């Protein structure tokens, strides 16, 4: 019996529908990375790689998008869209995340091998963790563990987590630190189902192909999916994720031939929620699917460690205390404190203090101004433009002529 091939068809150009040899999940991405790694200085378009591999340009484009998200390919041009290798591309060319599928994706899946047993409990992480943007995240305590460790163990146990708290407290930071295979969806009121599952897109040669969305990518590759600002997404749209989170662990893409997508081992959903943001609604359906709900507040001790101005930290603590008592609805979070230092470096402490007053909601501004005045000892006002600079002084000239004395 002949073993099914896992290499691309030898003929150039996109394979005809129904004749392409199905690759194992992750194999095409490895092949695309291999093409980039062969000449790290070359800028290659999806179409050029597709012709070399004998695959569709749409599928190659999806693979390049995943490589870019992982830092394993870098976009270098948009007209036409092109990519170049990074220092991580060579590793991606030799290793692929492979999840065998027993049947074509367009038909219901036959019984498959049971998921592998989860790995041993994640080790306790207490030292700083580097995020994808290069910044270091300092783990915080959570139920006797670090938050990074707790999230990793919740993933192992299959317990979805909802991180909630004011904007700027570090919800995204801890999720990025916990999961190095993260796929992110930024939610808002305009988010639609296609933003999760994908849609048809036009290829450079004028054809239309289905480009899978982040939910499908995370499910097939067994990755963590972060739905940021999940409660801003219309509930009817967010419902597309629910079948992937419960015992079914699969979704149906109605817009693509009723394709069935199964979740590979490791697939995990974590979401972010800003309770105070207008339009953010935590429905019962959403809440019930996130068994672990973790409040994220600003770590003012960390602000001190980051060398934030001590008076700014003191003012923020004062305002946070008043916020807890219900006197005001806003207090500066870590994001605002970091901005304070940057503004102070450029415009001075008084201007930075005034900016704290200016960014406060109007209904809280008087209280914020009072706290700033007491802490900084200045009447700080919101930053605003003043009158124009006057014209440069000119030297008067003496008139010329016979009558000049």
Protein backbone atom coordinates (compact mmCIF):
# COMPACT_ATOMS: atom_id res chain seq x y z
CA UNK A 1 0.00 0.00 0.00
CA UNK A 2 1.36 3.35 -0.99
CA UNK A 3 1.83 5.95 1.74
CA UNK A 4 0.01 9.22 0.96
CA UNK A 5 2.43 11.88 -0.17
CA UNK A 6 3.07 14.89 2.03
CA UNK A 7 4.99 16.90 -0.57
CA UNK A 8 3.47 19.35 -3.01
CA UNK A 9 2.40 18.31 -6.48
CA UNK A 10 5.26 18.73 -8.94
CA UNK A 11 3.35 20.73 -11.53
CA UNK A 12 3.73 24.51 -11.33
CA UNK A 13 0.88 26.89 -10.59
CA UNK A 14 -2.13 26.41 -8.31
CA UNK A 15 -3.50 22.88 -8.34
CA UNK A 16 -6.91 22.31 -9.82
CA UNK A 17 -9.78 21.98 -7.32
CA UNK A 18 -10.10 18.46 -6.00
CA UNK A 19 -6.68 17.33 -7.26
CA UNK A 20 -4.32 18.97 -4.77
CA UNK A 21 -2.61 16.59 -2.38
CA UNK A 22 -3.79 17.44 1.13
CA UNK A 23 -0.90 18.44 3.34
CA UNK A 24 -0.73 17.83 7.04
CA UNK A 25 -1.70 20.84 9.13
CA UNK A 26 1.33 23.11 9.42
CA UNK A 27 3.23 21.47 6.57
CA UNK A 28 2.49 24.20 4.01
CA UNK A 29 3.66 26.82 6.50
CA UNK A 30 6.93 24.92 6.91
CA UNK A 31 7.34 24.76 3.14
CA UNK A 32 6.69 28.49 2.77
CA UNK A 33 9.23 29.24 5.51
CA UNK A 34 11.71 27.03 3.68
CA UNK A 35 11.29 29.12 0.53
CA UNK A 36 12.00 32.32 2.48
CA UNK A 37 14.96 30.80 4.30
CA UNK A 38 16.69 29.74 1.07
CA UNK A 39 17.56 33.39 0.38
CA UNK A 40 17.09 35.54 3.51
CA UNK A 41 17.69 38.74 1.53
CA UNK A 42 15.04 38.10 -1.12
CA UNK A 43 11.55 39.64 -0.98
CA UNK A 44 9.03 37.05 -2.20
CA UNK A 45 5.35 37.52 -3.03
CA UNK A 46 2.67 34.94 -2.13
CA UNK A 47 2.12 34.34 -5.84
CA UNK A 48 5.81 33.62 -6.51
CA UNK A 49 5.99 31.14 -3.64
CA UNK A 50 2.71 29.55 -4.71
CA UNK A 51 4.02 28.95 -8.24
CA UNK A 52 7.19 27.35 -6.89
CA UNK A 53 5.31 25.05 -4.53
CA UNK A 54 2.42 24.26 -6.85
CA UNK A 55 -0.12 25.46 -4.27
CA UNK A 56 -2.77 28.19 -4.33
CA UNK A 57 -1.67 31.73 -3.64
CA UNK A 58 -4.52 32.14 -1.15
CA UNK A 59 -3.28 29.24 0.96
CA UNK A 60 0.27 30.53 0.77
CA UNK A 61 -0.96 33.98 1.79
CA UNK A 62 -2.61 32.48 4.87
CA UNK A 63 0.60 30.66 5.76
CA UNK A 64 2.61 33.87 5.41
CA UNK A 65 0.15 35.70 7.67
CA UNK A 66 0.69 33.08 10.38
CA UNK A 67 4.47 33.24 9.94
CA UNK A 68 4.33 37.04 10.23
CA UNK A 69 2.27 36.81 13.43
CA UNK A 70 4.91 34.50 14.90
CA UNK A 71 7.80 36.71 13.87
CA UNK A 72 8.96 34.07 11.37
CA UNK A 73 8.44 36.29 8.31
CA UNK A 74 8.54 40.04 7.83
CA UNK A 75 6.48 42.06 5.33
CA UNK A 76 8.71 44.30 3.23
CA UNK A 77 6.33 45.68 0.62
CA UNK A 78 2.64 46.16 -0.12
CA UNK A 79 2.61 46.82 -3.88
CA UNK A 80 2.94 43.95 -4.43
CA UNK A 81 2.71 42.34 -0.99
CA UNK A 82 6.03 40.65 -0.29
CA UNK A 83 7.85 39.00 2.60
CA UNK A 84 11.40 38.35 3.72
CA UNK A 85 12.96 35.90 6.17
CA UNK A 86 13.70 36.80 9.80
CA UNK A 87 16.09 35.17 12.25
CA UNK A 88 13.30 32.76 13.22
CA UNK A 89 12.46 31.61 9.70
CA UNK A 90 15.10 28.87 9.51
CA UNK A 91 13.63 27.17 12.57
CA UNK A 92 10.13 27.42 11.13
CA UNK A 93 11.39 25.79 7.95
CA UNK A 94 12.43 22.66 9.82
CA UNK A 95 9.58 22.36 12.33
CA UNK A 96 5.87 22.31 11.68
CA UNK A 97 2.90 22.01 14.01
CA UNK A 98 1.34 18.84 12.61
CA UNK A 99 -2.15 17.69 13.47
CA UNK A 100 -3.29 14.83 11.18
CA UNK A 101 -6.87 15.05 9.96
CA UNK A 102 -8.66 11.85 9.09
CA UNK A 103 -11.10 13.31 6.56
CA UNK A 104 -11.35 16.32 4.21
CA UNK A 105 -12.32 19.50 6.04
CA UNK A 106 -15.51 19.87 3.97
CA UNK A 107 -17.09 16.69 5.38
CA UNK A 108 -17.93 15.71 8.97
CA UNK A 109 -14.91 14.25 10.69
CA UNK A 110 -14.66 10.56 11.37
CA UNK A 111 -13.52 9.39 14.83
CA UNK A 112 -9.92 10.34 15.37
CA UNK A 113 -7.23 9.42 17.82
CA UNK A 114 -8.04 10.77 21.30
CA UNK A 115 -6.18 13.97 22.20
CA UNK A 116 -2.80 13.48 23.76
CA UNK A 117 -2.60 13.77 27.53
CA UNK A 118 -1.85 17.34 28.59
CA UNK A 119 1.73 18.11 29.57
CA UNK A 120 2.84 18.21 33.17
CA UNK A 121 1.66 21.25 35.09
CA UNK A 122 3.36 24.42 33.96
CA UNK A 123 6.33 25.38 36.09
CA UNK A 124 6.03 28.35 38.41
CA UNK A 125 7.12 31.51 36.58
CA UNK A 126 8.13 34.47 38.75
CA UNK A 127 10.80 36.16 36.64
CA UNK A 128 10.02 38.69 33.87
CA UNK A 129 8.69 37.24 30.61
CA UNK A 130 9.33 38.83 27.22
CA UNK A 131 6.22 39.76 25.23
CA UNK A 132 6.05 39.66 21.41
CA UNK A 133 6.73 43.41 21.23
CA UNK A 134 9.98 42.93 23.14
CA UNK A 135 8.75 44.49 26.40
CA UNK A 136 9.20 42.53 29.63
CA UNK A 137 6.18 41.50 31.66
CA UNK A 138 6.60 41.21 35.43
CA UNK A 139 4.40 38.37 36.75
CA UNK A 140 1.96 39.15 39.55
CA UNK A 141 0.61 36.93 42.31
CA UNK A 142 -2.60 35.01 41.70
CA UNK A 143 -3.90 32.44 44.20
CA UNK A 144 -0.46 31.41 45.40
CA UNK A 145 0.95 31.25 41.86
CA UNK A 146 2.04 33.83 39.34
CA UNK A 147 -0.59 35.04 36.90
CA UNK A 148 1.44 33.64 33.99
CA UNK A 149 1.62 30.21 35.62
CA UNK A 150 -2.06 30.25 36.60
CA UNK A 151 -3.17 30.99 33.03
CA UNK A 152 -0.97 28.23 31.64
CA UNK A 153 -2.39 25.72 34.11
CA UNK A 154 -5.95 26.82 33.36
CA UNK A 155 -5.21 26.11 29.72
CA UNK A 156 -3.93 22.64 30.57
CA UNK A 157 -7.15 22.00 32.49
CA UNK A 158 -9.33 23.35 29.69
CA UNK A 159 -10.78 26.16 31.85
CA UNK A 160 -11.35 29.31 29.79
CA UNK A 161 -10.46 32.59 31.50
CA UNK A 162 -11.98 36.05 31.30
CA UNK A 163 -9.64 38.89 32.28
CA UNK A 164 -11.58 41.98 33.35
CA UNK A 165 -10.65 45.43 34.57
CA UNK A 166 -10.19 49.04 33.42
CA UNK A 167 -8.29 49.77 30.20
CA UNK A 168 -4.55 50.03 30.69
CA UNK A 169 -4.22 47.63 33.61
CA UNK A 170 -2.28 44.96 31.72
CA UNK A 171 -4.86 42.39 30.59
CA UNK A 172 -3.32 42.01 27.17
CA UNK A 173 0.19 42.01 28.64
CA UNK A 174 -0.35 39.03 30.92
CA UNK A 175 -2.09 37.02 28.19
CA UNK A 176 0.76 37.68 25.75
CA UNK A 177 3.29 36.72 28.42
CA UNK A 178 1.46 33.50 29.26
CA UNK A 179 1.00 32.18 25.73
CA UNK A 180 3.72 32.35 23.08
CA UNK A 181 1.42 30.83 20.44
CA UNK A 182 -1.28 33.48 20.79
CA UNK A 183 -3.75 34.42 18.04
CA UNK A 184 -5.58 37.68 18.79
CA UNK A 185 -8.91 39.13 17.70
CA UNK A 186 -9.49 42.79 18.56
CA UNK A 187 -13.20 43.11 19.19
CA UNK A 188 -15.50 46.09 18.70
CA UNK A 189 -19.10 46.77 17.77
CA UNK A 190 -18.28 46.34 14.07
CA UNK A 191 -16.80 42.85 14.45
CA UNK A 192 -18.61 40.30 12.25
CA UNK A 193 -18.58 36.51 12.02
CA UNK A 194 -16.19 36.63 9.05
CA UNK A 195 -13.61 38.27 11.31
CA UNK A 196 -13.54 35.01 13.26
CA UNK A 197 -13.95 32.28 10.64
CA UNK A 198 -12.69 33.97 7.47
CA UNK A 199 -14.12 35.01 4.12
CA UNK A 200 -13.51 34.82 0.40
CA UNK A 201 -10.72 37.04 -0.88
CA UNK A 202 -9.44 37.78 -4.35
CA UNK A 203 -6.05 36.35 -5.27
CA UNK A 204 -3.52 38.23 -7.41
CA UNK A 205 -4.58 36.19 -10.46
CA UNK A 206 -8.21 37.30 -10.09
CA UNK A 207 -9.71 34.17 -8.53
CA UNK A 208 -11.55 34.02 -5.20
CA UNK A 209 -10.40 31.75 -2.42
CA UNK A 210 -11.50 31.32 1.16
CA UNK A 211 -9.02 32.83 3.63
CA UNK A 212 -9.46 31.31 7.06
CA UNK A 213 -9.80 33.60 10.07
CA UNK A 214 -8.01 33.57 13.43
CA UNK A 215 -10.55 31.27 15.11
CA UNK A 216 -9.99 28.56 12.51
CA UNK A 217 -6.22 29.01 12.59
CA UNK A 218 -6.15 28.70 16.38
CA UNK A 219 -8.42 25.65 16.35
CA UNK A 220 -6.51 23.75 13.70
CA UNK A 221 -3.10 24.52 15.13
CA UNK A 222 -4.03 24.01 18.77
CA UNK A 223 -3.16 27.58 19.72
CA UNK A 224 -4.49 30.04 22.30
CA UNK A 225 -7.08 32.52 21.02
CA UNK A 226 -7.34 35.89 22.78
CA UNK A 227 -10.59 37.80 22.16
CA UNK A 228 -9.75 41.30 23.33
CA UNK A 229 -12.68 43.54 24.26
CA UNK A 230 -14.96 40.54 23.80
CA UNK A 231 -17.91 42.28 25.43
CA UNK A 232 -17.97 44.95 22.71
CA UNK A 233 -18.69 42.30 20.08
CA UNK A 234 -22.38 41.73 19.25
CA UNK A 235 -23.56 38.58 21.12
CA UNK A 236 -24.88 37.00 17.91
CA UNK A 237 -21.39 37.29 16.39
CA UNK A 238 -19.53 36.07 19.46
CA UNK A 239 -21.75 32.97 19.51
CA UNK A 240 -19.66 31.52 16.66
CA UNK A 241 -16.94 30.71 19.21
CA UNK A 242 -19.14 28.86 21.70
CA UNK A 243 -19.27 25.45 19.94
CA UNK A 244 -15.46 25.46 19.86
CA UNK A 245 -15.31 26.08 23.61
CA UNK A 246 -17.76 23.44 24.81
CA UNK A 247 -17.72 19.65 24.51
CA UNK A 248 -18.22 19.76 20.75
CA UNK A 249 -14.92 21.54 20.15
CA UNK A 250 -15.85 22.19 16.55
CA UNK A 251 -17.50 24.84 14.40
CA UNK A 252 -19.38 24.84 11.12
CA UNK A 253 -18.44 27.42 8.48
CA UNK A 254 -21.74 27.88 6.65
CA UNK A 255 -20.30 30.35 4.16
CA UNK A 256 -17.69 27.82 3.02
CA UNK A 257 -19.61 24.69 1.98
CA UNK A 258 -20.66 23.94 5.57
CA UNK A 259 -17.07 23.04 6.36
CA UNK A 260 -16.53 21.40 9.74
CA UNK A 261 -13.47 22.52 11.72
CA UNK A 262 -12.33 20.53 14.75
CA UNK A 263 -10.22 21.95 17.56
CA UNK A 264 -6.80 20.35 17.91
CA UNK A 265 -5.37 19.57 21.35
CA UNK A 266 -4.09 22.76 22.97
CA UNK A 267 -6.78 25.04 21.54
CA UNK A 268 -7.79 27.50 24.26
CA UNK A 269 -9.86 30.67 24.53
CA UNK A 270 -9.14 33.62 26.82
CA UNK A 271 -10.97 36.94 26.63
CA UNK A 272 -10.67 40.52 27.84
CA UNK A 273 -13.48 42.66 29.26
CA UNK A 274 -13.47 46.37 30.20
CA UNK A 275 -16.52 46.77 32.48
CA UNK A 276 -16.47 50.57 32.47
CA UNK A 277 -16.30 51.02 28.70
CA UNK A 278 -19.51 52.23 27.02
CA UNK A 279 -21.18 49.38 25.15
CA UNK A 280 -19.34 46.57 26.95
CA UNK A 281 -21.99 43.99 27.94
CA UNK A 282 -21.11 40.75 29.72
CA UNK A 283 -24.03 38.52 28.75
CA UNK A 284 -25.01 35.40 30.68
CA UNK A 285 -24.11 33.27 27.65
CA UNK A 286 -20.60 34.72 27.55
CA UNK A 287 -20.06 34.69 31.31
CA UNK A 288 -21.11 31.04 31.61
CA UNK A 289 -18.43 29.93 29.16
CA UNK A 290 -15.59 31.53 31.12
CA UNK A 291 -15.41 29.59 34.35
CA UNK A 292 -12.38 31.53 35.58
CA UNK A 293 -12.98 35.28 35.80
CA UNK A 294 -9.90 37.20 36.93
CA UNK A 295 -9.88 40.85 37.91
CA UNK A 296 -6.89 42.83 36.65
CA UNK A 297 -6.10 46.08 38.44
CA UNK A 298 -3.06 48.33 38.25
CA UNK A 299 -0.01 47.16 40.16
CA UNK A 300 1.19 50.39 41.71
CA UNK A 301 4.20 48.63 43.25
CA UNK A 302 5.27 47.75 39.71
CA UNK A 303 4.82 51.40 38.74
CA UNK A 304 7.33 52.31 41.43
CA UNK A 305 9.73 49.61 40.20
CA UNK A 306 9.47 51.07 36.70
CA UNK A 307 10.72 54.40 38.09
CA UNK A 308 7.43 56.21 37.56
CA UNK A 309 7.46 59.59 39.30
CA UNK A 310 6.66 58.87 42.97
CA UNK A 311 4.23 61.79 43.21
CA UNK A 312 2.32 60.51 40.19
CA UNK A 313 2.07 57.06 41.79
CA UNK A 314 0.90 58.62 45.07
CA UNK A 315 -1.79 60.62 43.27
CA UNK A 316 -2.92 57.51 41.38
CA UNK A 317 -3.18 55.47 44.59
CA UNK A 318 -5.22 58.24 46.20
CA UNK A 319 -7.61 58.38 43.24
CA UNK A 320 -7.87 54.58 43.11
CA UNK A 321 -8.92 54.55 46.78
CA UNK A 322 -11.60 57.13 46.07
CA UNK A 323 -12.73 55.12 43.07
CA UNK A 324 -13.20 52.02 45.25
CA UNK A 325 -15.28 54.09 47.66
CA UNK A 326 -17.48 55.17 44.77
CA UNK A 327 -16.55 58.85 44.99
CA UNK A 328 -15.25 58.94 41.41
CA UNK A 329 -15.39 56.60 38.45
CA UNK A 330 -11.83 57.00 37.13
CA UNK A 331 -8.27 56.64 38.36
CA UNK A 332 -4.98 56.59 36.41
CA UNK A 333 -3.83 53.07 35.50
CA UNK A 334 -0.35 51.88 34.62
CA UNK A 335 -0.73 53.00 31.01
CA UNK A 336 -1.46 56.58 32.11
CA UNK A 337 1.42 56.54 34.60
CA UNK A 338 3.90 55.42 31.95
CA UNK A 339 2.59 58.22 29.74
CA UNK A 340 3.07 60.65 32.66
CA UNK A 341 6.79 59.91 32.75
CA UNK A 342 7.14 60.32 28.99
CA UNK A 343 5.32 63.64 28.99
CA UNK A 344 7.31 64.86 32.00
CA UNK A 345 10.55 64.04 30.19
CA UNK A 346 9.49 66.23 27.27
CA UNK A 347 7.31 69.00 28.72
CA UNK A 348 8.08 68.93 32.45
CA UNK A 349 6.36 67.71 35.62
CA UNK A 350 3.77 70.52 35.74
CA UNK A 351 2.62 69.79 32.20
CA UNK A 352 2.44 66.05 32.92
CA UNK A 353 0.38 66.73 36.06
CA UNK A 354 -1.93 68.97 34.05
CA UNK A 355 -2.36 66.21 31.51
CA UNK A 356 -3.58 63.87 34.29
CA UNK A 357 -6.32 66.39 34.97
CA UNK A 358 -7.08 66.78 31.28
CA UNK A 359 -7.51 63.06 30.54
CA UNK A 360 -9.87 62.52 33.49
CA UNK A 361 -13.58 62.24 32.64
CA UNK A 362 -15.28 65.62 32.99
CA UNK A 363 -17.41 64.48 35.92
CA UNK A 364 -14.28 63.45 37.89
CA UNK A 365 -12.02 66.33 36.84
CA UNK A 366 -12.54 68.53 39.90
CA UNK A 367 -11.56 65.70 42.27
CA UNK A 368 -8.56 64.77 40.14
CA UNK A 369 -7.44 68.41 40.04
CA UNK A 370 -7.73 68.61 43.83
CA UNK A 371 -5.62 65.47 44.35
CA UNK A 372 -3.01 66.64 41.83
CA UNK A 373 -2.84 70.05 43.53
CA UNK A 374 -2.36 68.47 46.97
CA UNK A 375 0.31 66.02 45.81
CA UNK A 376 2.28 68.19 43.39
CA UNK A 377 1.71 71.53 45.07
CA UNK A 378 0.70 73.23 41.83
CA UNK A 379 -2.57 74.31 40.26
CA UNK A 380 -2.25 72.03 37.26
CA UNK A 381 -4.63 72.73 34.38
CA UNK A 382 -5.34 70.54 31.34
CA UNK A 383 -2.93 71.09 28.49
CA UNK A 384 -4.27 73.70 26.11
CA UNK A 385 -2.94 76.05 23.48
CA UNK A 386 -2.39 79.70 24.32
CA UNK A 387 -2.07 82.79 22.13
CA UNK A 388 0.29 82.95 19.21
CA UNK A 389 3.86 84.04 19.70
CA UNK A 390 4.16 87.74 18.86
CA UNK A 391 6.08 88.89 15.77
CA UNK A 392 9.82 89.19 16.12
CA UNK A 393 10.88 92.71 17.16
CA UNK A 394 12.32 94.82 14.36
CA UNK A 395 15.04 97.51 14.58
CA UNK A 396 13.60 100.93 13.69
CA UNK A 397 15.30 102.58 10.73
CA UNK A 398 16.03 106.27 10.40
CA UNK A 399 14.35 108.01 7.48
CA UNK A 400 16.67 109.21 4.74
CA UNK A 401 16.64 112.53 2.88
CA UNK A 402 17.70 116.14 3.15
CA UNK A 403 15.53 116.85 6.15
CA UNK A 404 17.19 114.17 8.29
CA UNK A 405 18.76 115.93 11.29
